[in-house]
PDB file of N, CA and C in Angstrom:
ATOM      1  N   MET A   1      30.140 -87.945 -41.374  1.00  0.00           N
ATOM      2  CA  MET A   1      29.991 -87.242 -40.436  1.00  0.00           C
ATOM      3  C   MET A   1      29.755 -87.190 -39.412  1.00  0.00           C
ATOM      4  N   SER A   2      30.943 -86.211 -38.554  1.00  0.00           N
ATOM      5  CA  SER A   2      30.866 -86.133 -37.417  1.00  0.00           C
ATOM      6  C   SER A   2      30.224 -85.364 -36.348  1.00  0.00           C
ATOM      7  N   GLN A   3      29.945 -85.105 -35.495  1.00  0.00           N
ATOM      8  CA  GLN A   3      28.912 -84.196 -34.671  1.00  0.00           C
ATOM      9  C   GLN A   3      30.451 -83.047 -34.035  1.00  0.00           C
ATOM     10  N   PRO A   4      29.487 -81.547 -33.639  1.00  0.00           N
ATOM     11  CA  PRO A   4      30.304 -80.647 -32.778  1.00  0.00           C
ATOM     12  C   PRO A   4      30.374 -81.925 -32.030  1.00  0.00           C
ATOM     13  N   ALA A   5      31.016 -81.070 -30.019  1.00  0.00           N
ATOM     14  CA  ALA A   5      31.258 -80.943 -29.401  1.00  0.00           C
ATOM     15  C   ALA A   5      29.795 -81.122 -28.416  1.00  0.00           C
ATOM     16  N   GLY A   6      29.176 -81.839 -27.885  1.00  0.00           N
ATOM     17  CA  GLY A   6      28.489 -81.500 -26.289  1.00  0.00           C
ATOM     18  C   GLY A   6      27.210 -81.827 -27.456  1.00  0.00           C
ATOM     19  N   GLU A   7      27.312 -82.778 -28.639  1.00  0.00           N
ATOM     20  CA  GLU A   7      26.075 -82.908 -28.933  1.00  0.00           C
ATOM     21  C   GLU A   7      26.266 -84.620 -29.260  1.00  0.00           C
ATOM     22  N   ARG A   8      24.845 -84.879 -28.803  1.00  0.00           N
ATOM     23  CA  ARG A   8      25.091 -86.705 -29.311  1.00  0.00           C
ATOM     24  C   ARG A   8      23.920 -86.739 -30.388  1.00  0.00           C
ATOM     25  N   SER A   9      23.738 -88.049 -30.572  1.00  0.00           N
ATOM     26  CA  SER A   9      22.786 -88.056 -31.437  1.00  0.00           C
ATOM     27  C   SER A   9      21.964 -89.329 -30.782  1.00  0.00           C
ATOM     28  N   TYR A  10      20.742 -89.393 -30.861  1.00  0.00           N
ATOM     29  CA  TYR A  10      19.753 -89.770 -30.489  1.00  0.00           C
ATOM     30  C   TYR A  10      19.996 -91.189 -29.631  1.00  0.00           C
ATOM     31  N   GLN A  11      20.881 -92.178 -30.391  1.00  0.00           N
ATOM     32  CA  GLN A  11      20.857 -93.137 -29.633  1.00  0.00           C
ATOM     33  C   GLN A  11      21.783 -93.046 -28.774  1.00  0.00           C
ATOM     34  N   GLN A  12      22.878 -91.658 -28.332  1.00  0.00           N
ATOM     35  CA  GLN A  12      22.856 -92.456 -27.669  1.00  0.00           C
ATOM     36  C   GLN A  12      23.283 -91.379 -25.877  1.00  0.00           C
ATOM     37  N   THR A  13      21.241 -90.695 -26.648  1.00  0.00           N
ATOM     38  CA  THR A  13      20.891 -90.252 -25.702  1.00  0.00           C
ATOM     39  C   THR A  13      19.602 -91.373 -24.765  1.00  0.00           C
ATOM     40  N   ALA A  14      19.773 -92.061 -24.962  1.00  0.00           N
ATOM     41  CA  ALA A  14      18.354 -93.234 -25.392  1.00  0.00           C
ATOM     42  C   ALA A  14      19.583 -94.454 -24.457  1.00  0.00           C
ATOM     43  N   ALA A  15      20.919 -94.479 -24.231  1.00  0.00           N
ATOM     44  CA  ALA A  15      21.406 -95.320 -24.311  1.00  0.00           C
ATOM     45  C   ALA A  15      22.169 -94.465 -22.604  1.00  0.00           C
ATOM     46  N   ALA A  16      21.922 -93.010 -22.696  1.00  0.00           N
ATOM     47  CA  ALA A  16      22.300 -93.033 -21.138  1.00  0.00           C
ATOM     48  C   ALA A  16      21.032 -92.737 -20.436  1.00  0.00           C
ATOM     49  N   SER A  17      19.765 -92.222 -21.219  1.00  0.00           N
ATOM     50  CA  SER A  17      18.786 -92.850 -20.198  1.00  0.00           C
ATOM     51  C   SER A  17      18.207 -93.517 -20.197  1.00  0.00           C
ATOM     52  N   THR A  18      18.501 -94.686 -19.630  1.00  0.00           N
ATOM     53  CA  THR A  18      18.038 -96.173 -19.384  1.00  0.00           C
ATOM     54  C   THR A  18      19.220 -96.177 -18.377  1.00  0.00           C
ATOM     55  N   MET A  19      18.412 -96.538 -16.763  1.00  0.00           N
ATOM     56  CA  MET A  19      18.775 -97.072 -15.598  1.00  0.00           C
ATOM     57  C   MET A  19      19.009 -98.883 -16.365  1.00  0.00           C
ATOM     58  N   HIS A  20      19.720 -99.799 -14.995  1.00  0.00           N
ATOM     59  CA  HIS A  20      19.579-100.553 -14.747  1.00  0.00           C
ATOM     60  C   HIS A  20      19.689-100.559 -13.242  1.00  0.00           C
ATOM     61  N   TYR A  21      18.407-101.514 -13.015  1.00  0.00           N
ATOM     62  CA  TYR A  21      18.419-101.990 -11.857  1.00  0.00           C
ATOM     63  C   TYR A  21      18.004-103.467 -11.209  1.00  0.00           C
ATOM     64  N   LEU A  22      18.207-104.269 -10.158  1.00  0.00           N
ATOM     65  CA  LEU A  22      18.214-105.586  -9.930  1.00  0.00           C
ATOM     66  C   LEU A  22      17.205-105.737  -9.706  1.00  0.00           C
ATOM     67  N   CYS A  23      16.745-106.585  -9.482  1.00  0.00           N
ATOM     68  CA  CYS A  23      15.071-107.031  -9.398  1.00  0.00           C
ATOM     69  C   CYS A  23      15.190-107.366  -7.377  1.00  0.00           C
ATOM     70  N   ALA A  24      14.310-107.379  -6.897  1.00  0.00           N
ATOM     71  CA  ALA A  24      14.827-108.486  -5.341  1.00  0.00           C
ATOM     72  C   ALA A  24      13.882-108.506  -5.967  1.00  0.00           C
ATOM     73  N   GLU A  25      12.797-110.004  -5.981  1.00  0.00           N
ATOM     74  CA  GLU A  25      12.524-111.410  -5.849  1.00  0.00           C
ATOM     75  C   GLU A  25      13.129-112.139  -6.778  1.00  0.00           C
ATOM     76  N   CYS A  26      13.129-111.385  -8.445  1.00  0.00           N
ATOM     77  CA  CYS A  26      14.273-113.388  -9.081  1.00  0.00           C
ATOM     78  C   CYS A  26      15.384-112.551  -9.711  1.00  0.00           C
ATOM     79  N   GLY A  27      16.062-111.390  -9.159  1.00  0.00           N
ATOM     80  CA  GLY A  27      17.735-110.928  -9.280  1.00  0.00           C
ATOM     81  C   GLY A  27      18.139-110.562  -9.880  1.00  0.00           C
ATOM     82  N   ALA A  28      16.441-110.197 -11.593  1.00  0.00           N
ATOM     83  CA  ALA A  28      17.852-109.910 -12.809  1.00  0.00           C
ATOM     84  C   ALA A  28      17.460-108.668 -12.882  1.00  0.00           C
ATOM     85  N   LYS A  29      18.638-108.408 -14.312  1.00  0.00           N
ATOM     86  CA  LYS A  29      18.869-107.152 -14.680  1.00  0.00           C
ATOM     87  C   LYS A  29      18.071-106.853 -15.379  1.00  0.00           C
ATOM     88  N   VAL A  30      17.175-105.741 -14.484  1.00  0.00           N
ATOM     89  CA  VAL A  30      16.180-104.704 -15.421  1.00  0.00           C
ATOM     90  C   VAL A  30      16.854-103.586 -15.631  1.00  0.00           C
ATOM     91  N   GLY A  31      16.489-102.733 -17.530  1.00  0.00           N
ATOM     92  CA  GLY A  31      16.664-101.623 -17.618  1.00  0.00           C
ATOM     93  C   GLY A  31      15.325-100.055 -17.462  1.00  0.00           C
ATOM     94  N   ILE A  32      15.018 -99.775 -17.370  1.00  0.00           N
ATOM     95  CA  ILE A  32      14.248 -99.004 -16.870  1.00  0.00           C
ATOM     96  C   ILE A  32      14.626 -97.665 -17.838  1.00  0.00           C
ATOM     97  N   ASN A  33      14.103 -96.789 -18.965  1.00  0.00           N
ATOM     98  CA  ASN A  33      14.147 -95.367 -19.451  1.00  0.00           C
ATOM     99  C   ASN A  33      12.641 -94.827 -18.714  1.00  0.00           C
ATOM    100  N   LYS A  34      13.126 -93.759 -18.877  1.00  0.00           N
ATOM    101  CA  LYS A  34      12.292 -92.576 -17.531  1.00  0.00           C
ATOM    102  C   LYS A  34      10.855 -92.735 -18.773  1.00  0.00           C
ATOM    103  N   GLY A  35      10.178 -92.745 -17.602  1.00  0.00           N
ATOM    104  CA  GLY A  35       8.554 -93.222 -18.073  1.00  0.00           C
ATOM    105  C   GLY A  35       8.088 -93.710 -18.342  1.00  0.00           C
ATOM    106  N   GLU A  36       9.108 -95.066 -18.465  1.00  0.00           N
ATOM    107  CA  GLU A  36       7.924 -96.705 -17.768  1.00  0.00           C
ATOM    108  C   GLU A  36       7.898 -96.266 -16.277  1.00  0.00           C
ATOM    109  N   PRO A  37       6.394 -98.032 -16.671  1.00  0.00           N
ATOM    110  CA  PRO A  37       5.959 -97.734 -14.512  1.00  0.00           C
ATOM    111  C   PRO A  37       7.753 -98.798 -14.472  1.00  0.00           C
ATOM    112  N   ILE A  38       8.045 -98.632 -12.705  1.00  0.00           N
ATOM    113  CA  ILE A  38       8.791 -99.635 -12.381  1.00  0.00           C
ATOM    114  C   ILE A  38       8.095-100.803 -10.945  1.00  0.00           C
ATOM    115  N   ARG A  39       8.612-101.602 -12.781  1.00  0.00           N
ATOM    116  CA  ARG A  39       8.192-102.494 -12.382  1.00  0.00           C
ATOM    117  C   ARG A  39       9.773-103.920 -13.146  1.00  0.00           C
ATOM    118  N   CYS A  40       9.728-105.338 -12.918  1.00  0.00           N
ATOM    119  CA  CYS A  40      11.014-105.804 -13.396  1.00  0.00           C
ATOM    120  C   CYS A  40       9.461-107.244 -14.695  1.00  0.00           C
ATOM    121  N   LYS A  41      11.056-107.032 -15.614  1.00  0.00           N
ATOM    122  CA  LYS A  41      10.233-107.129 -17.440  1.00  0.00           C
ATOM    123  C   LYS A  41      10.069-108.669 -16.483  1.00  0.00           C
ATOM    124  N   GLU A  42      10.247-110.030 -15.701  1.00  0.00           N
ATOM    125  CA  GLU A  42      10.298-110.912 -15.574  1.00  0.00           C
ATOM    126  C   GLU A  42       9.271-111.404 -14.853  1.00  0.00           C
ATOM    127  N   CYS A  43       9.509-111.482 -13.952  1.00  0.00           N
ATOM    128  CA  CYS A  43       8.391-111.042 -12.730  1.00  0.00           C
ATOM    129  C   CYS A  43       7.678-110.750 -12.429  1.00  0.00           C
ATOM    130  N   GLY A  44       7.600-109.540 -12.659  1.00  0.00           N
ATOM    131  CA  GLY A  44       6.481-108.468 -12.313  1.00  0.00           C
ATOM    132  C   GLY A  44       6.932-107.926 -11.190  1.00  0.00           C
ATOM    133  N   HIS A  45       7.747-108.145 -10.720  1.00  0.00           N
ATOM    134  CA  HIS A  45       8.317-107.356  -9.028  1.00  0.00           C
ATOM    135  C   HIS A  45       8.129-106.045  -8.818  1.00  0.00           C
ATOM    136  N   ARG A  46       7.843-105.024  -8.602  1.00  0.00           N
ATOM    137  CA  ARG A  46       7.747-104.114  -8.506  1.00  0.00           C
ATOM    138  C   ARG A  46       8.847-103.335  -7.394  1.00  0.00           C
ATOM    139  N   ILE A  47       9.489-104.368  -6.755  1.00  0.00           N
ATOM    140  CA  ILE A  47      10.831-103.817  -5.229  1.00  0.00           C
ATOM    141  C   ILE A  47      11.838-103.661  -6.044  1.00  0.00           C
ATOM    142  N   LEU A  48      13.377-102.680  -7.377  1.00  0.00           N
ATOM    143  CA  LEU A  48      14.121-102.915  -7.513  1.00  0.00           C
ATOM    144  C   LEU A  48      14.988-101.848  -6.945  1.00  0.00           C
ATOM    145  N   TYR A  49      15.849-102.303  -7.013  1.00  0.00           N
ATOM    146  CA  TYR A  49      17.405-101.935  -5.705  1.00  0.00           C
ATOM    147  C   TYR A  49      18.179-101.628  -7.267  1.00  0.00           C
ATOM    148  N   LYS A  50      18.861-100.279  -6.706  1.00  0.00           N
ATOM    149  CA  LYS A  50      19.717 -99.206  -8.248  1.00  0.00           C
ATOM    150  C   LYS A  50      21.225 -99.389  -7.487  1.00  0.00           C
ATOM    151  N   GLN A  51      21.576 -99.863  -9.036  1.00  0.00           N
ATOM    152  CA  GLN A  51      23.076-100.478  -9.825  1.00  0.00           C
ATOM    153  C   GLN A  51      23.898 -99.647  -8.529  1.00  0.00           C
ATOM    154  N   ARG A  52      25.066 -99.985  -7.800  1.00  0.00           N
ATOM    155  CA  ARG A  52      26.001 -99.640  -6.897  1.00  0.00           C
ATOM    156  C   ARG A  52      27.192 -98.256  -8.084  1.00  0.00           C
ATOM    157  N   THR A  53      27.427 -97.416  -8.337  1.00  0.00           N
ATOM    158  CA  THR A  53      28.796 -97.216  -9.323  1.00  0.00           C
ATOM    159  C   THR A  53      29.654 -97.522  -8.903  1.00  0.00           C
ATOM    160  N   ARG A  54      30.544 -97.498 -10.097  1.00  0.00           N
ATOM    161  CA  ARG A  54      31.217 -98.255 -10.173  1.00  0.00           C
ATOM    162  C   ARG A  54      32.757 -96.731  -9.934  1.00  0.00           C
ATOM    163  N   ARG A  55      32.012 -95.530  -9.936  1.00  0.00           N
ATOM    164  CA  ARG A  55      33.171 -94.729  -9.472  1.00  0.00           C
ATOM    165  C   ARG A  55      33.066 -94.561  -7.993  1.00  0.00           C
ATOM    166  N   MET A  56      34.398 -94.153  -7.778  1.00  0.00           N
ATOM    167  CA  MET A  56      35.428 -94.512  -6.519  1.00  0.00           C
ATOM    168  C   MET A  56      34.527 -93.155  -6.078  1.00  0.00           C
ATOM    169  N   VAL A  57      33.534 -93.101  -5.138  1.00  0.00           N
ATOM    170  CA  VAL A  57      33.305 -92.093  -4.075  1.00  0.00           C
ATOM    171  C   VAL A  57      33.776 -91.683  -2.556  1.00  0.00           C
ATOM    172  N   GLN A  58      33.951 -90.596  -2.525  1.00  0.00           N
ATOM    173  CA  GLN A  58      35.117 -90.054  -1.806  1.00  0.00           C
ATOM    174  C   GLN A  58      34.479 -88.766  -0.457  1.00  0.00           C
ATOM    175  N   PHE A  59      34.117 -89.589   0.491  1.00  0.00           N
ATOM    176  CA  PHE A  59      33.501 -88.259   1.636  1.00  0.00           C
ATOM    177  C   PHE A  59      34.562 -87.643   2.413  1.00  0.00           C
ATOM    178  N   GLU A  60      34.339 -86.615   2.360  1.00  0.00           N
ATOM    179  CA  GLU A  60      35.427 -85.623   2.891  1.00  0.00           C
ATOM    180  C   GLU A  60      35.170 -85.890   5.096  1.00  0.00           C
ATOM    181  N   ALA A  61      35.584 -86.205   6.121  1.00  0.00           N
ATOM    182  CA  ALA A  61      34.963 -86.514   6.916  1.00  0.00           C
ATOM    183  C   ALA A  61      35.454 -85.404   7.940  1.00  0.00           C
ATOM    184  N   ARG A  62      35.066 -84.635   9.594  1.00  0.00           N
ATOM    185  CA  ARG A  62      35.142 -84.322  10.446  1.00  0.00           C
ATOM    186  C   ARG A  62      35.912 -84.826  11.545  1.00  0.00           C
TER     187      ARG A  62
END
């Protein structure tokens, strides 16, 4: 059974809403969903860095 264009399944939506961060203390890769507390699951540290995008970003300078 195929889905109409533009519709996502629950699993696709959940995977898209998970953001990945790096812990500042232990360096672990942490996946955080919307509404979860911002805390490392390994060490409990609360400073997380957002990973850099793999997409090329270009700005126009004047």
